[in-house]
Amino acid sequence: MNAMRLLIVEDDPHIADLLLEGLGEDGYACDVATSAAQGTSLARLFPYALILLDVMLPEGHDAGFVMGRELRAEGVQTPILYLTARSNVEERVTGLDAGGDDYLGKPFALRELRARVRALLRRSSGLSRNVLQLPLGWQIDLAGRTVSRPPTWDDVTAAPTPESVPVQAAQAELTRREFALLELLALHPGRAFSRQDIIERLWSGESGVEPKVIDVYVSTVRRKTAEELIDTVRGLGYRLGKMAHEW
């Protein structure tokens, strides 16, 4: 079973190490970003279960709040736990209004932080929609980061013998960016993304990525799953393929 993956955005290496150790003991896998720019890029690329976000980062005293607002404006609904030495009422209200789900002042007891993380994950697990439906019966599991297709009635009727009926889902082996591409389209059904849009989302902060690279990624995802999962929109770019009931 895959461990839940959390994102820690913290520029103090001592605090980051403390969080890594404590959360690791609870069985979580953690990535660490040391700036708002790096954290934003990772949060866009991967479906984390939770973001632990320091407010004061290299970009400025309120960089964490700015990052939280940007993610919420883009539709990222990952729970955010703000961490900061400024824990007066006004700051806590600002954090909650900036997309935060909880707020913990520094210095904090690791025991309390771990309890707050567990509470946020319990709360979000009941509200989040981790499995999205794709065309042709395919599904994308945002938490488990898998793309699969359960056996269908067509599989049963096409099987030569009962023993040859598939009992397990077909699973596509996608790379991180291939998964991120399909996830982006699945989270915005009906919306066409230009190649430049996709580059900015998936290669944030990197230079020299040619638009043709997106065509290669789309072709690879189609080959590993199904051609109909991604539609080409002439003159615009790509979008999620139409569901069966939309044809």
Protein backbone atom coordinates (compact mmCIF):
# COMPACT_ATOMS: atom_id res chain seq x y z
CA MET A 1 0.00 0.00 0.00
CA ASN A 2 1.42 3.40 -1.01
CA ALA A 3 2.09 5.87 1.82
CA MET A 4 0.27 9.19 1.74
CA ARG A 5 2.58 11.83 0.28
CA LEU A 6 2.81 15.23 1.96
CA LEU A 7 4.51 18.43 0.80
CA ILE A 8 6.57 20.44 3.29
CA VAL A 9 7.36 24.02 2.23
CA GLU A 10 9.92 25.24 4.78
CA ASP A 11 13.19 27.13 4.31
CA ASP A 12 14.59 26.38 7.78
CA PRO A 13 16.51 23.10 7.39
CA HIS A 14 16.27 22.26 11.10
CA ILE A 15 12.47 22.55 11.13
CA ALA A 16 12.23 20.68 7.82
CA ASP A 17 14.32 17.82 9.25
CA LEU A 18 12.15 17.76 12.38
CA LEU A 19 9.00 17.50 10.26
CA LEU A 20 10.51 14.83 8.02
CA GLU A 21 11.47 12.71 11.01
CA GLY A 22 8.19 13.10 12.88
CA LEU A 23 5.90 12.60 9.90
CA GLY A 24 8.08 9.77 8.64
CA GLU A 25 7.48 7.95 11.93
CA ASP A 26 3.75 8.18 11.20
CA GLY A 27 4.30 6.49 7.84
CA TYR A 28 4.00 9.50 5.55
CA ALA A 29 6.23 10.07 2.54
CA CYS A 30 7.29 13.72 2.35
CA ASP A 31 8.77 16.04 -0.26
CA VAL A 32 10.47 19.26 0.87
CA ALA A 33 10.48 22.60 -0.95
CA THR A 34 12.57 25.49 0.37
CA SER A 35 10.77 28.33 -1.44
CA ALA A 36 7.26 29.29 -2.51
CA ALA A 37 8.22 28.96 -6.17
CA GLN A 38 9.47 25.40 -5.71
CA GLY A 39 6.50 24.51 -3.53
CA THR A 40 4.00 25.88 -6.04
CA SER A 41 5.63 23.91 -8.84
CA LEU A 42 5.44 20.65 -6.86
CA ALA A 43 1.87 21.29 -5.68
CA ARG A 44 0.78 21.79 -9.28
CA LEU A 45 2.55 18.68 -10.46
CA PHE A 46 1.65 16.09 -7.81
CA PRO A 47 -1.63 15.33 -5.97
CA TYR A 48 -0.37 15.63 -2.39
CA ALA A 49 -2.62 14.63 0.50
CA LEU A 50 -1.57 17.69 2.55
CA ILE A 51 0.68 20.76 2.32
CA LEU A 52 2.53 22.02 5.41
CA LEU A 53 3.30 25.61 4.43
CA ASP A 54 5.58 28.06 6.21
CA VAL A 55 4.34 31.64 5.87
CA MET A 56 7.75 33.38 5.86
CA LEU A 57 9.75 32.13 2.88
CA PRO A 58 12.64 33.57 0.81
CA GLU A 59 10.19 35.40 -1.46
CA GLY A 60 8.79 37.49 1.41
CA HIS A 61 7.19 37.59 4.85
CA ASP A 62 3.76 36.59 3.48
CA ALA A 63 4.98 34.36 0.63
CA GLY A 64 3.18 31.35 2.07
CA PHE A 65 -0.14 33.19 2.06
CA VAL A 66 0.46 34.27 -1.54
CA MET A 67 1.23 30.68 -2.54
CA GLY A 68 -1.92 29.42 -0.82
CA ARG A 69 -4.11 31.97 -2.59
CA GLU A 70 -2.56 31.13 -5.96
CA LEU A 71 -3.15 27.41 -5.53
CA ARG A 72 -6.76 27.95 -4.51
CA ALA A 73 -7.31 30.28 -7.48
CA GLU A 74 -6.02 27.52 -9.77
CA GLY A 75 -8.43 24.99 -8.30
CA VAL A 76 -5.92 23.06 -6.17
CA GLN A 77 -7.92 21.82 -3.17
CA THR A 78 -5.13 20.06 -1.25
CA PRO A 79 -5.52 20.82 2.49
CA ILE A 80 -3.05 23.45 3.75
CA LEU A 81 -1.62 23.67 7.27
CA TYR A 82 0.13 27.02 7.76
CA LEU A 83 3.16 27.22 10.05
CA THR A 84 4.46 30.56 11.35
CA ALA A 85 5.96 32.35 14.32
CA ARG A 86 3.30 35.03 13.91
CA SER A 87 0.29 33.43 15.53
CA ASN A 88 -1.89 36.33 16.68
CA VAL A 89 -5.59 36.37 15.84
CA GLU A 90 -5.17 38.64 12.81
CA GLU A 91 -2.53 36.37 11.30
CA ARG A 92 -4.61 33.25 11.86
CA VAL A 93 -7.62 34.88 10.20
CA THR A 94 -5.44 35.95 7.27
CA GLY A 95 -4.16 32.40 6.91
CA LEU A 96 -7.62 30.85 6.91
CA ASP A 97 -8.79 33.44 4.38
CA ALA A 98 -5.74 32.60 2.25
CA GLY A 99 -6.96 29.07 1.66
CA GLY A 100 -5.64 27.54 4.87
CA ASP A 101 -7.43 24.66 6.56
CA ASP A 102 -5.51 24.98 9.82
CA TYR A 103 -2.86 27.21 11.41
CA LEU A 104 -0.12 26.30 13.88
CA GLY A 105 2.19 28.78 15.58
CA LYS A 106 5.94 28.29 16.05
CA PRO A 107 7.48 26.96 18.16
CA PHE A 108 5.15 23.98 18.16
CA ALA A 109 5.11 20.61 19.83
CA LEU A 110 5.70 17.88 17.27
CA ARG A 111 3.07 15.78 18.99
CA GLU A 112 0.44 18.46 18.38
CA LEU A 113 1.48 18.95 14.76
CA ARG A 114 1.20 15.22 14.07
CA ALA A 115 -2.27 15.19 15.64
CA ARG A 116 -3.36 18.15 13.50
CA VAL A 117 -2.05 16.41 10.38
CA ARG A 118 -4.03 13.29 11.19
CA ALA A 119 -7.17 15.34 11.83
CA LEU A 120 -6.83 17.24 8.54
CA LEU A 121 -6.30 14.02 6.60
CA ARG A 122 -9.34 12.40 8.22
CA ARG A 123 -11.42 15.45 7.39
CA SER A 124 -10.23 15.70 3.79
CA SER A 125 -10.57 11.96 3.09
CA GLY A 126 -14.30 12.26 3.56
CA LEU A 127 -14.59 15.30 1.32
CA SER A 128 -12.07 14.80 -1.46
CA ARG A 129 -12.89 13.11 -4.70
CA ASN A 130 -9.82 10.99 -5.21
CA VAL A 131 -11.03 8.87 -8.13
CA LEU A 132 -12.10 10.59 -11.34
CA GLN A 133 -13.84 8.86 -14.21
CA LEU A 134 -12.23 8.98 -17.65
CA PRO A 135 -13.57 7.95 -21.07
CA LEU A 136 -13.96 4.25 -21.94
CA GLY A 137 -14.18 3.15 -18.31
CA TRP A 138 -10.70 4.34 -17.36
CA GLN A 139 -10.17 5.88 -13.91
CA ILE A 140 -7.51 8.12 -12.42
CA ASP A 141 -6.78 7.73 -8.70
CA LEU A 142 -5.34 11.04 -7.52
CA ALA A 143 -4.29 9.73 -4.11
CA GLY A 144 -2.72 6.49 -5.30
CA ARG A 145 -1.40 8.15 -8.48
CA THR A 146 -2.57 5.33 -10.73
CA VAL A 147 -4.53 5.11 -13.98
CA SER A 148 -6.50 1.92 -14.54
CA ARG A 149 -9.50 0.36 -16.26
CA PRO A 150 -11.63 -2.22 -14.40
CA PRO A 151 -12.84 -5.25 -16.39
CA THR A 152 -15.94 -4.41 -18.42
CA TRP A 153 -18.89 -6.40 -19.76
CA ASP A 154 -17.20 -6.33 -23.17
CA ASP A 155 -14.20 -8.12 -21.64
CA VAL A 156 -16.50 -10.86 -20.38
CA THR A 157 -18.40 -11.36 -23.63
CA ALA A 158 -15.23 -11.27 -25.72
CA ALA A 159 -13.40 -13.85 -23.63
CA PRO A 160 -13.04 -17.28 -25.32
CA THR A 161 -13.56 -19.12 -22.02
CA PRO A 162 -14.70 -18.15 -18.51
CA GLU A 163 -11.18 -18.83 -17.27
CA SER A 164 -9.74 -16.12 -19.53
CA VAL A 165 -11.97 -13.31 -18.24
CA PRO A 166 -9.72 -10.62 -16.71
CA VAL A 167 -10.24 -10.34 -12.97
CA GLN A 168 -7.88 -7.43 -12.38
CA ALA A 169 -7.95 -3.90 -13.69
CA ALA A 170 -5.72 -2.97 -16.59
CA GLN A 171 -3.20 -0.48 -15.22
CA ALA A 172 -1.21 2.04 -17.24
CA GLU A 173 2.42 2.54 -16.22
CA LEU A 174 2.74 6.32 -16.52
CA THR A 175 5.70 8.48 -15.59
CA ARG A 176 5.18 11.36 -13.16
CA ARG A 177 4.72 13.95 -15.90
CA GLU A 178 2.52 11.68 -17.99
CA PHE A 179 0.30 11.22 -14.93
CA ALA A 180 0.37 14.96 -14.22
CA LEU A 181 -0.72 15.70 -17.79
CA LEU A 182 -3.69 13.34 -17.61
CA GLU A 183 -4.54 14.59 -14.12
CA LEU A 184 -4.59 18.20 -15.34
CA LEU A 185 -7.04 17.37 -18.11
CA ALA A 186 -9.19 15.16 -15.84
CA LEU A 187 -9.54 17.91 -13.24
CA HIS A 188 -10.77 20.35 -15.91
CA PRO A 189 -13.09 18.33 -18.20
CA GLY A 190 -14.21 20.30 -21.23
CA ARG A 191 -11.38 22.82 -20.97
CA ALA A 192 -8.77 22.91 -23.72
CA PHE A 193 -5.19 23.62 -22.66
CA SER A 194 -2.70 25.06 -25.11
CA ARG A 195 0.75 23.52 -25.29
CA GLN A 196 2.15 26.60 -23.56
CA ASP A 197 -0.44 26.27 -20.77
CA ILE A 198 0.67 22.69 -20.17
CA ILE A 199 4.34 23.63 -20.19
CA GLU A 200 3.74 26.34 -17.59
CA ARG A 201 1.81 23.91 -15.36
CA LEU A 202 4.08 20.88 -15.67
CA TRP A 203 7.48 22.53 -16.22
CA SER A 204 7.05 25.60 -14.00
CA GLY A 205 10.31 27.52 -13.72
CA GLU A 206 12.12 25.44 -16.35
CA SER A 207 13.27 26.93 -19.65
CA GLY A 208 13.87 25.48 -23.08
CA VAL A 209 10.84 23.15 -23.17
CA GLU A 210 9.56 23.05 -26.75
CA PRO A 211 5.81 22.82 -27.53
CA LYS A 212 6.46 19.66 -29.55
CA VAL A 213 7.40 17.91 -26.30
CA ILE A 214 3.73 18.10 -25.27
CA ASP A 215 2.70 16.28 -28.46
CA VAL A 216 5.11 13.48 -27.57
CA TYR A 217 3.68 13.19 -24.04
CA VAL A 218 0.10 13.14 -25.35
CA SER A 219 1.00 10.45 -27.87
CA THR A 220 2.64 8.34 -25.16
CA VAL A 221 -0.31 8.63 -22.76
CA ARG A 222 -2.69 7.64 -25.57
CA ARG A 223 -0.55 4.65 -26.44
CA LYS A 224 -0.40 3.47 -22.81
CA THR A 225 -4.14 3.94 -22.23
CA ALA A 226 -6.53 4.66 -25.09
CA GLU A 227 -6.51 7.05 -28.04
CA GLU A 228 -9.87 8.51 -27.00
CA LEU A 229 -8.71 9.62 -23.54
CA ILE A 230 -7.27 12.87 -24.90
CA ASP A 231 -8.87 14.96 -27.63
CA THR A 232 -6.95 17.25 -29.96
CA VAL A 233 -8.65 20.65 -30.26
CA ARG A 234 -7.58 22.15 -33.56
CA GLY A 235 -5.91 25.52 -33.12
CA LEU A 236 -6.05 25.30 -29.32
CA GLY A 237 -4.36 22.25 -27.84
CA TYR A 238 -5.68 19.30 -25.85
CA ARG A 239 -8.55 18.41 -23.52
CA LEU A 240 -9.95 15.32 -21.83
CA GLY A 241 -11.81 13.06 -24.24
CA LYS A 242 -15.58 12.99 -24.17
CA MET A 243 -17.29 10.53 -21.86
CA ALA A 244 -19.41 7.77 -23.40
CA HIS A 245 -22.68 9.58 -22.64
CA GLU A 246 -21.43 12.69 -24.47
CA TRP A 247 -20.78 11.07 -27.84
